[in-house]
PDB file of all heavy atoms in Angstrom:
ATOM      1  N   HIS A   1      27.179   5.746  14.064  1.00  0.00           N
ATOM      2  CA  HIS A   1      26.824   4.638  13.175  1.00  0.00           C
ATOM      3  C   HIS A   1      26.761   3.364  14.012  1.00  0.00           C
ATOM      4  O   HIS A   1      27.739   2.639  14.133  1.00  0.00           O
ATOM      5  CB  HIS A   1      27.834   4.517  12.029  1.00  0.00           C
ATOM      6  CG  HIS A   1      27.680   5.602  11.024  1.00  0.00           C
ATOM      7  ND1 HIS A   1      26.956   5.458   9.879  1.00  0.00           N
ATOM      8  CD2 HIS A   1      28.123   6.878  11.019  1.00  0.00           C
ATOM      9  CE1 HIS A   1      26.961   6.580   9.189  1.00  0.00           C
ATOM     10  NE2 HIS A   1      27.659   7.461   9.869  1.00  0.00           N
ATOM     11  N   LEU A   2      25.588   3.136  14.569  1.00  0.00           N
ATOM     12  CA  LEU A   2      25.376   1.984  15.433  1.00  0.00           C
ATOM     13  C   LEU A   2      25.038   0.748  14.609  1.00  0.00           C
ATOM     14  O   LEU A   2      24.535   0.866  13.486  1.00  0.00           O
ATOM     15  CB  LEU A   2      24.229   2.280  16.402  1.00  0.00           C
ATOM     16  CG  LEU A   2      24.422   3.494  17.313  1.00  0.00           C
ATOM     17  CD1 LEU A   2      23.135   3.778  18.084  1.00  0.00           C
ATOM     18  CD2 LEU A   2      25.586   3.268  18.254  1.00  0.00           C
ATOM     19  N   PRO A   3      25.270  -0.439  15.167  1.00  0.00           N
ATOM     20  CA  PRO A   3      24.859  -1.658  14.463  1.00  0.00           C
ATOM     21  C   PRO A   3      23.361  -1.603  14.177  1.00  0.00           C
ATOM     22  O   PRO A   3      22.571  -1.146  15.007  1.00  0.00           O
ATOM     23  CB  PRO A   3      25.182  -2.776  15.460  1.00  0.00           C
ATOM     24  CG  PRO A   3      26.227  -2.196  16.360  1.00  0.00           C
ATOM     25  CD  PRO A   3      25.928  -0.726  16.434  1.00  0.00           C
ATOM     26  N   GLY A   4      22.964  -2.043  12.997  1.00  0.00           N
ATOM     27  CA  GLY A   4      21.562  -2.028  12.600  1.00  0.00           C
ATOM     28  C   GLY A   4      21.125  -0.748  11.917  1.00  0.00           C
ATOM     29  O   GLY A   4      19.960  -0.591  11.576  1.00  0.00           O
ATOM     30  N   ARG A   5      22.054   0.168  11.692  1.00  0.00           N
ATOM     31  CA  ARG A   5      21.726   1.464  11.086  1.00  0.00           C
ATOM     32  C   ARG A   5      21.002   1.307   9.753  1.00  0.00           C
ATOM     33  O   ARG A   5      20.101   2.071   9.447  1.00  0.00           O
ATOM     34  CB  ARG A   5      23.002   2.282  10.897  1.00  0.00           C
ATOM     35  CG  ARG A   5      22.750   3.624  10.213  1.00  0.00           C
ATOM     36  CD  ARG A   5      24.026   4.451  10.120  1.00  0.00           C
ATOM     37  NE  ARG A   5      23.815   5.670   9.384  1.00  0.00           N
ATOM     38  CZ  ARG A   5      23.313   6.792   9.884  1.00  0.00           C
ATOM     39  NH1 ARG A   5      22.974   6.838  11.151  1.00  0.00           N
ATOM     40  NH2 ARG A   5      23.154   7.858   9.136  1.00  0.00           N
ATOM     41  N   TYR A   6      21.387   0.342   8.940  1.00  0.00           N
ATOM     42  CA  TYR A   6      20.796   0.176   7.617  1.00  0.00           C
ATOM     43  C   TYR A   6      19.856  -1.029   7.534  1.00  0.00           C
ATOM     44  O   TYR A   6      19.534  -1.489   6.465  1.00  0.00           O
ATOM     45  CB  TYR A   6      21.892   0.081   6.562  1.00  0.00           C
ATOM     46  CG  TYR A   6      22.741   1.337   6.509  1.00  0.00           C
ATOM     47  CD1 TYR A   6      24.092   1.309   6.801  1.00  0.00           C
ATOM     48  CD2 TYR A   6      22.169   2.559   6.176  1.00  0.00           C
ATOM     49  CE1 TYR A   6      24.858   2.463   6.766  1.00  0.00           C
ATOM     50  CE2 TYR A   6      22.931   3.723   6.135  1.00  0.00           C
ATOM     51  CZ  TYR A   6      24.268   3.667   6.437  1.00  0.00           C
ATOM     52  OH  TYR A   6      25.012   4.812   6.395  1.00  0.00           O
ATOM     53  N   GLU A   7      19.414  -1.519   8.697  1.00  0.00           N
ATOM     54  CA  GLU A   7      18.493  -2.654   8.724  1.00  0.00           C
ATOM     55  C   GLU A   7      17.082  -2.122   9.016  1.00  0.00           C
ATOM     56  O   GLU A   7      16.747  -1.784  10.151  1.00  0.00           O
ATOM     57  CB  GLU A   7      18.928  -3.639   9.804  1.00  0.00           C
ATOM     58  CG  GLU A   7      18.097  -4.890   9.832  1.00  0.00           C
ATOM     59  CD  GLU A   7      18.535  -5.826  10.952  1.00  0.00           C
ATOM     60  OE1 GLU A   7      19.718  -5.807  11.346  1.00  0.00           O
ATOM     61  OE2 GLU A   7      17.674  -6.578  11.417  1.00  0.00           O
ATOM     62  N   LEU A   8      16.274  -2.042   7.981  1.00  0.00           N
ATOM     63  CA  LEU A   8      14.913  -1.545   8.090  1.00  0.00           C
ATOM     64  C   LEU A   8      14.045  -2.602   8.768  1.00  0.00           C
ATOM     65  O   LEU A   8      13.975  -3.736   8.308  1.00  0.00           O
ATOM     66  CB  LEU A   8      14.370  -1.220   6.697  1.00  0.00           C
ATOM     67  CG  LEU A   8      12.972  -0.625   6.602  1.00  0.00           C
ATOM     68  CD1 LEU A   8      12.914   0.738   7.288  1.00  0.00           C
ATOM     69  CD2 LEU A   8      12.576  -0.486   5.139  1.00  0.00           C
ATOM     70  N   THR A   9      13.407  -2.242   9.875  1.00  0.00           N
ATOM     71  CA  THR A   9      12.582  -3.205  10.602  1.00  0.00           C
ATOM     72  C   THR A   9      11.090  -2.993  10.396  1.00  0.00           C
ATOM     73  O   THR A   9      10.312  -3.923  10.575  1.00  0.00           O
ATOM     74  CB  THR A   9      12.880  -3.160  12.118  1.00  0.00           C
ATOM     75  OG1 THR A   9      12.620  -1.837  12.608  1.00  0.00           O
ATOM     76  CG2 THR A   9      14.326  -3.550  12.395  1.00  0.00           C
ATOM     77  N   GLU A  10      10.687  -1.779  10.024  1.00  0.00           N
ATOM     78  CA  GLU A  10       9.255  -1.511   9.883  1.00  0.00           C
ATOM     79  C   GLU A  10       9.006  -0.295   9.007  1.00  0.00           C
ATOM     80  O   GLU A  10       9.763   0.671   9.036  1.00  0.00           O
ATOM     81  CB  GLU A  10       8.648  -1.246  11.260  1.00  0.00           C
ATOM     82  CG  GLU A  10       7.174  -0.919  11.242  1.00  0.00           C
ATOM     83  CD  GLU A  10       6.650  -0.479  12.600  1.00  0.00           C
ATOM     84  OE1 GLU A  10       7.353  -0.636  13.612  1.00  0.00           O
ATOM     85  OE2 GLU A  10       5.532   0.039  12.627  1.00  0.00           O
ATOM     86  N   LEU A  11       7.948  -0.371   8.230  1.00  0.00           N
ATOM     87  CA  LEU A  11       7.384   0.782   7.524  1.00  0.00           C
ATOM     88  C   LEU A  11       5.944   0.907   7.987  1.00  0.00           C
ATOM     89  O   LEU A  11       5.251  -0.100   8.113  1.00  0.00           O
ATOM     90  CB  LEU A  11       7.411   0.572   6.007  1.00  0.00           C
ATOM     91  CG  LEU A  11       8.767   0.607   5.327  1.00  0.00           C
ATOM     92  CD1 LEU A  11       8.624   0.200   3.865  1.00  0.00           C
ATOM     93  CD2 LEU A  11       9.375   1.998   5.427  1.00  0.00           C
ATOM     94  N   HIS A  12       5.512   2.126   8.264  1.00  0.00           N
ATOM     95  CA  HIS A  12       4.128   2.318   8.681  1.00  0.00           C
ATOM     96  C   HIS A  12       3.572   3.590   8.041  1.00  0.00           C
ATOM     97  O   HIS A  12       4.302   4.569   7.852  1.00  0.00           O
ATOM     98  CB  HIS A  12       4.011   2.374  10.207  1.00  0.00           C
ATOM     99  CG  HIS A  12       4.878   3.420  10.833  1.00  0.00           C
ATOM    100  ND1 HIS A  12       6.194   3.207  11.150  1.00  0.00           N
ATOM    101  CD2 HIS A  12       4.615   4.702  11.165  1.00  0.00           C
ATOM    102  CE1 HIS A  12       6.707   4.312  11.666  1.00  0.00           C
ATOM    103  NE2 HIS A  12       5.773   5.232  11.688  1.00  0.00           N
ATOM    104  N   PRO A  13       2.287   3.563   7.670  1.00  0.00           N
ATOM    105  CA  PRO A  13       1.705   4.744   7.034  1.00  0.00           C
ATOM    106  C   PRO A  13       1.617   5.910   8.002  1.00  0.00           C
ATOM    107  O   PRO A  13       1.409   5.731   9.203  1.00  0.00           O
ATOM    108  CB  PRO A  13       0.312   4.276   6.614  1.00  0.00           C
ATOM    109  CG  PRO A  13       0.030   3.063   7.401  1.00  0.00           C
ATOM    110  CD  PRO A  13       1.335   2.475   7.819  1.00  0.00           C
ATOM    111  N   VAL A  14       1.792   7.104   7.456  1.00  0.00           N
ATOM    112  CA  VAL A  14       1.598   8.339   8.204  1.00  0.00           C
ATOM    113  C   VAL A  14       0.556   9.127   7.422  1.00  0.00           C
ATOM    114  O   VAL A  14       0.856   9.705   6.374  1.00  0.00           O
ATOM    115  CB  VAL A  14       2.915   9.150   8.335  1.00  0.00           C
ATOM    116  CG1 VAL A  14       2.661  10.464   9.054  1.00  0.00           C
ATOM    117  CG2 VAL A  14       3.982   8.331   9.052  1.00  0.00           C
ATOM    118  N   GLY A  15      -0.665   9.088   7.897  1.00  0.00           N
ATOM    119  CA  GLY A  15      -1.767   9.719   7.177  1.00  0.00           C
ATOM    120  C   GLY A  15      -1.863   9.164   5.764  1.00  0.00           C
ATOM    121  O   GLY A  15      -1.650   7.975   5.534  1.00  0.00           O
ATOM    122  N   THR A  16      -2.164  10.048   4.823  1.00  0.00           N
ATOM    123  CA  THR A  16      -2.252   9.651   3.413  1.00  0.00           C
ATOM    124  C   THR A  16      -1.143  10.294   2.596  1.00  0.00           C
ATOM    125  O   THR A  16      -1.216  10.310   1.373  1.00  0.00           O
ATOM    126  CB  THR A  16      -3.605  10.063   2.826  1.00  0.00           C
ATOM    127  OG1 THR A  16      -3.745  11.486   2.953  1.00  0.00           O
ATOM    128  CG2 THR A  16      -4.754   9.364   3.523  1.00  0.00           C
ATOM    129  N   TYR A  17      -0.106  10.802   3.270  1.00  0.00           N
ATOM    130  CA  TYR A  17       0.919  11.565   2.573  1.00  0.00           C
ATOM    131  C   TYR A  17       2.344  11.072   2.770  1.00  0.00           C
ATOM    132  O   TYR A  17       3.279  11.586   2.146  1.00  0.00           O
ATOM    133  CB  TYR A  17       0.856  13.031   3.002  1.00  0.00           C
ATOM    134  CG  TYR A  17       1.293  13.257   4.438  1.00  0.00           C
ATOM    135  CD1 TYR A  17       2.598  13.652   4.722  1.00  0.00           C
ATOM    136  CD2 TYR A  17       0.431  13.056   5.502  1.00  0.00           C
ATOM    137  CE1 TYR A  17       3.016  13.847   6.017  1.00  0.00           C
ATOM    138  CE2 TYR A  17       0.829  13.251   6.796  1.00  0.00           C
ATOM    139  CZ  TYR A  17       2.125  13.654   7.058  1.00  0.00           C
ATOM    140  OH  TYR A  17       2.532  13.829   8.353  1.00  0.00           O
ATOM    141  N   ALA A  18       2.559  10.051   3.614  1.00  0.00           N
ATOM    142  CA  ALA A  18       3.932   9.675   3.933  1.00  0.00           C
ATOM    143  C   ALA A  18       3.994   8.265   4.520  1.00  0.00           C
ATOM    144  O   ALA A  18       2.978   7.628   4.792  1.00  0.00           O
ATOM    145  CB  ALA A  18       4.520  10.668   4.933  1.00  0.00           C
ATOM    146  N   VAL A  19       5.235   7.830   4.733  1.00  0.00           N
ATOM    147  CA  VAL A  19       5.503   6.562   5.404  1.00  0.00           C
ATOM    148  C   VAL A  19       6.592   6.818   6.448  1.00  0.00           C
ATOM    149  O   VAL A  19       7.516   7.612   6.235  1.00  0.00           O
ATOM    150  CB  VAL A  19       5.927   5.463   4.388  1.00  0.00           C
ATOM    151  CG1 VAL A  19       7.242   5.790   3.719  1.00  0.00           C
ATOM    152  CG2 VAL A  19       5.982   4.105   5.044  1.00  0.00           C
ATOM    153  N   GLY A  20       6.436   6.185   7.599  1.00  0.00           N
ATOM    154  CA  GLY A  20       7.449   6.262   8.644  1.00  0.00           C
ATOM    155  C   GLY A  20       8.310   5.010   8.590  1.00  0.00           C
ATOM    156  O   GLY A  20       7.851   3.945   8.167  1.00  0.00           O
ATOM    157  N   ALA A  21       9.545   5.135   9.022  1.00  0.00           N
ATOM    158  CA  ALA A  21      10.472   4.003   8.995  1.00  0.00           C
ATOM    159  C   ALA A  21      11.081   3.794  10.372  1.00  0.00           C
ATOM    160  O   ALA A  21      11.369   4.754  11.087  1.00  0.00           O
ATOM    161  CB  ALA A  21      11.581   4.258   7.968  1.00  0.00           C
ATOM    162  N   ALA A  22      11.269   2.530  10.727  1.00  0.00           N
ATOM    163  CA  ALA A  22      11.966   2.163  11.958  1.00  0.00           C
ATOM    164  C   ALA A  22      13.163   1.299  11.583  1.00  0.00           C
ATOM    165  O   ALA A  22      13.087   0.482  10.662  1.00  0.00           O
ATOM    166  CB  ALA A  22      11.034   1.411  12.898  1.00  0.00           C
ATOM    167  N   TRP A  23      14.250   1.514  12.290  1.00  0.00           N
ATOM    168  CA  TRP A  23      15.515   0.843  11.992  1.00  0.00           C
ATOM    169  C   TRP A  23      15.986   0.036  13.185  1.00  0.00           C
ATOM    170  O   TRP A  23      15.637   0.326  14.329  1.00  0.00           O
ATOM    171  CB  TRP A  23      16.564   1.893  11.605  1.00  0.00           C
ATOM    172  CG  TRP A  23      16.137   2.714  10.435  1.00  0.00           C
ATOM    173  CD1 TRP A  23      15.438   3.879  10.466  1.00  0.00           C
ATOM    174  CD2 TRP A  23      16.339   2.416   9.051  1.00  0.00           C
ATOM    175  NE1 TRP A  23      15.197   4.321   9.190  1.00  0.00           N
ATOM    176  CE2 TRP A  23      15.746   3.450   8.299  1.00  0.00           C
ATOM    177  CE3 TRP A  23      16.968   1.372   8.368  1.00  0.00           C
ATOM    178  CZ2 TRP A  23      15.766   3.460   6.911  1.00  0.00           C
ATOM    179  CZ3 TRP A  23      16.991   1.387   6.987  1.00  0.00           C
ATOM    180  CH2 TRP A  23      16.398   2.427   6.276  1.00  0.00           C
ATOM    181  N   ALA A  24      16.813  -0.973  12.928  1.00  0.00           N
ATOM    182  CA  ALA A  24      17.283  -1.881  13.973  1.00  0.00           C
ATOM    183  C   ALA A  24      18.145  -1.193  15.025  1.00  0.00           C
ATOM    184  O   ALA A  24      18.304  -1.715  16.122  1.00  0.00           O
ATOM    185  CB  ALA A  24      18.041  -3.057  13.357  1.00  0.00           C
ATOM    186  N   ASP A  25      18.674  -0.006  14.734  1.00  0.00           N
ATOM    187  CA  ASP A  25      19.464   0.712  15.737  1.00  0.00           C
ATOM    188  C   ASP A  25      18.582   1.554  16.665  1.00  0.00           C
ATOM    189  O   ASP A  25      19.086   2.282  17.513  1.00  0.00           O
ATOM    190  CB  ASP A  25      20.536   1.576  15.075  1.00  0.00           C
ATOM    191  CG  ASP A  25      19.979   2.732  14.259  1.00  0.00           C
ATOM    192  OD1 ASP A  25      18.736   2.822  14.083  1.00  0.00           O
ATOM    193  OD2 ASP A  25      20.777   3.555  13.776  1.00  0.00           O
ATOM    194  N   GLY A  26      17.259   1.465  16.506  1.00  0.00           N
ATOM    195  CA  GLY A  26      16.338   2.182  17.379  1.00  0.00           C
ATOM    196  C   GLY A  26      15.804   3.489  16.813  1.00  0.00           C
ATOM    197  O   GLY A  26      14.876   4.071  17.359  1.00  0.00           O
ATOM    198  N   HIS A  27      16.365   3.954  15.711  1.00  0.00           N
ATOM    199  CA  HIS A  27      15.891   5.211  15.120  1.00  0.00           C
ATOM    200  C   HIS A  27      14.530   4.985  14.466  1.00  0.00           C
ATOM    201  O   HIS A  27      14.338   4.019  13.730  1.00  0.00           O
ATOM    202  CB  HIS A  27      16.898   5.703  14.073  1.00  0.00           C
ATOM    203  CG  HIS A  27      16.533   7.022  13.479  1.00  0.00           C
ATOM    204  ND1 HIS A  27      16.531   8.177  14.210  1.00  0.00           N
ATOM    205  CD2 HIS A  27      16.142   7.359  12.240  1.00  0.00           C
ATOM    206  CE1 HIS A  27      16.164   9.183  13.435  1.00  0.00           C
ATOM    207  NE2 HIS A  27      15.916   8.712  12.226  1.00  0.00           N
ATOM    208  N   ASN A  28      13.570   5.899  14.743  1.00  0.00           N
ATOM    209  CA  ASN A  28      12.227   5.706  14.191  1.00  0.00           C
ATOM    210  C   ASN A  28      11.454   7.010  14.000  1.00  0.00           C
ATOM    211  O   ASN A  28      10.228   7.006  13.974  1.00  0.00           O
ATOM    212  CB  ASN A  28      11.417   4.747  15.066  1.00  0.00           C
ATOM    213  CG  ASN A  28      11.162   5.310  16.451  1.00  0.00           C
ATOM    214  OD1 ASN A  28      11.582   6.408  16.781  1.00  0.00           O
ATOM    215  ND2 ASN A  28      10.484   4.548  17.278  1.00  0.00           N
ATOM    216  N   THR A  29      12.145   8.128  13.856  1.00  0.00           N
ATOM    217  CA  THR A  29      11.442   9.418  13.773  1.00  0.00           C
ATOM    218  C   THR A  29      11.343   9.983  12.365  1.00  0.00           C
ATOM    219  O   THR A  29      10.746  11.036  12.181  1.00  0.00           O
ATOM    220  CB  THR A  29      12.100  10.461  14.686  1.00  0.00           C
ATOM    221  OG1 THR A  29      13.480  10.583  14.328  1.00  0.00           O
ATOM    222  CG2 THR A  29      11.984  10.057  16.151  1.00  0.00           C
ATOM    223  N   GLY A  30      11.893   9.302  11.375  1.00  0.00           N
ATOM    224  CA  GLY A  30      11.843   9.811  10.003  1.00  0.00           C
ATOM    225  C   GLY A  30      10.477   9.614   9.366  1.00  0.00           C
ATOM    226  O   GLY A  30       9.924   8.516   9.395  1.00  0.00           O
ATOM    227  N   ILE A  31       9.917  10.676   8.816  1.00  0.00           N
ATOM    228  CA  ILE A  31       8.657  10.609   8.070  1.00  0.00           C
ATOM    229  C   ILE A  31       8.977  11.001   6.631  1.00  0.00           C
ATOM    230  O   ILE A  31       9.335  12.140   6.352  1.00  0.00           O
ATOM    231  CB  ILE A  31       7.593  11.536   8.675  1.00  0.00           C
ATOM    232  CG1 ILE A  31       7.262  11.078  10.101  1.00  0.00           C
ATOM    233  CG2 ILE A  31       6.344  11.566   7.805  1.00  0.00           C
ATOM    234  CD1 ILE A  31       6.321  12.003  10.836  1.00  0.00           C
ATOM    235  N   TYR A  32       8.866  10.030   5.735  1.00  0.00           N
ATOM    236  CA  TYR A  32       9.212  10.213   4.330  1.00  0.00           C
ATOM    237  C   TYR A  32       7.945  10.522   3.536  1.00  0.00           C
ATOM    238  O   TYR A  32       7.107   9.646   3.324  1.00  0.00           O
ATOM    239  CB  TYR A  32       9.855   8.938   3.775  1.00  0.00           C
ATOM    240  CG  TYR A  32      11.164   8.567   4.422  1.00  0.00           C
ATOM    241  CD1 TYR A  32      11.208   7.952   5.673  1.00  0.00           C
ATOM    242  CD2 TYR A  32      12.370   8.808   3.774  1.00  0.00           C
ATOM    243  CE1 TYR A  32      12.405   7.601   6.259  1.00  0.00           C
ATOM    244  CE2 TYR A  32      13.575   8.457   4.353  1.00  0.00           C
ATOM    245  CZ  TYR A  32      13.584   7.856   5.594  1.00  0.00           C
ATOM    246  OH  TYR A  32      14.784   7.498   6.168  1.00  0.00           O
ATOM    247  N   THR A  33       7.792  11.778   3.119  1.00  0.00           N
ATOM    248  CA  THR A  33       6.630  12.138   2.307  1.00  0.00           C
ATOM    249  C   THR A  33       6.761  11.482   0.938  1.00  0.00           C
ATOM    250  O   THR A  33       7.849  11.071   0.524  1.00  0.00           O
ATOM    251  CB  THR A  33       6.529  13.656   2.105  1.00  0.00           C
ATOM    252  OG1 THR A  33       7.671  14.108   1.364  1.00  0.00           O
ATOM    253  CG2 THR A  33       6.413  14.392   3.434  1.00  0.00           C
ATOM    254  N   TRP A  34       5.631  11.394   0.225  1.00  0.00           N
ATOM    255  CA  TRP A  34       5.667  10.813  -1.124  1.00  0.00           C
ATOM    256  C   TRP A  34       6.615  11.610  -2.006  1.00  0.00           C
ATOM    257  O   TRP A  34       7.354  11.022  -2.803  1.00  0.00           O
ATOM    258  CB  TRP A  34       4.277  10.771  -1.741  1.00  0.00           C
ATOM    259  CG  TRP A  34       3.221  10.034  -0.972  1.00  0.00           C
ATOM    260  CD1 TRP A  34       1.893  10.326  -0.981  1.00  0.00           C
ATOM    261  CD2 TRP A  34       3.354   8.890  -0.121  1.00  0.00           C
ATOM    262  NE1 TRP A  34       1.198   9.436  -0.175  1.00  0.00           N
ATOM    263  CE2 TRP A  34       2.081   8.539   0.363  1.00  0.00           C
ATOM    264  CE3 TRP A  34       4.440   8.120   0.298  1.00  0.00           C
ATOM    265  CZ2 TRP A  34       1.849   7.475   1.217  1.00  0.00           C
ATOM    266  CZ3 TRP A  34       4.212   7.049   1.161  1.00  0.00           C
ATOM    267  CH2 TRP A  34       2.950   6.727   1.600  1.00  0.00           C
TER     268      TRP A  34
END
């Protein structure tokens, strides 16, 4: 649980089926389908 874990820094579209999220702790591999 690094600092910035719950600080959302970016949302970006992934095709037409999902959104990707980037977090202040550097994590950015989650792809959230609709």
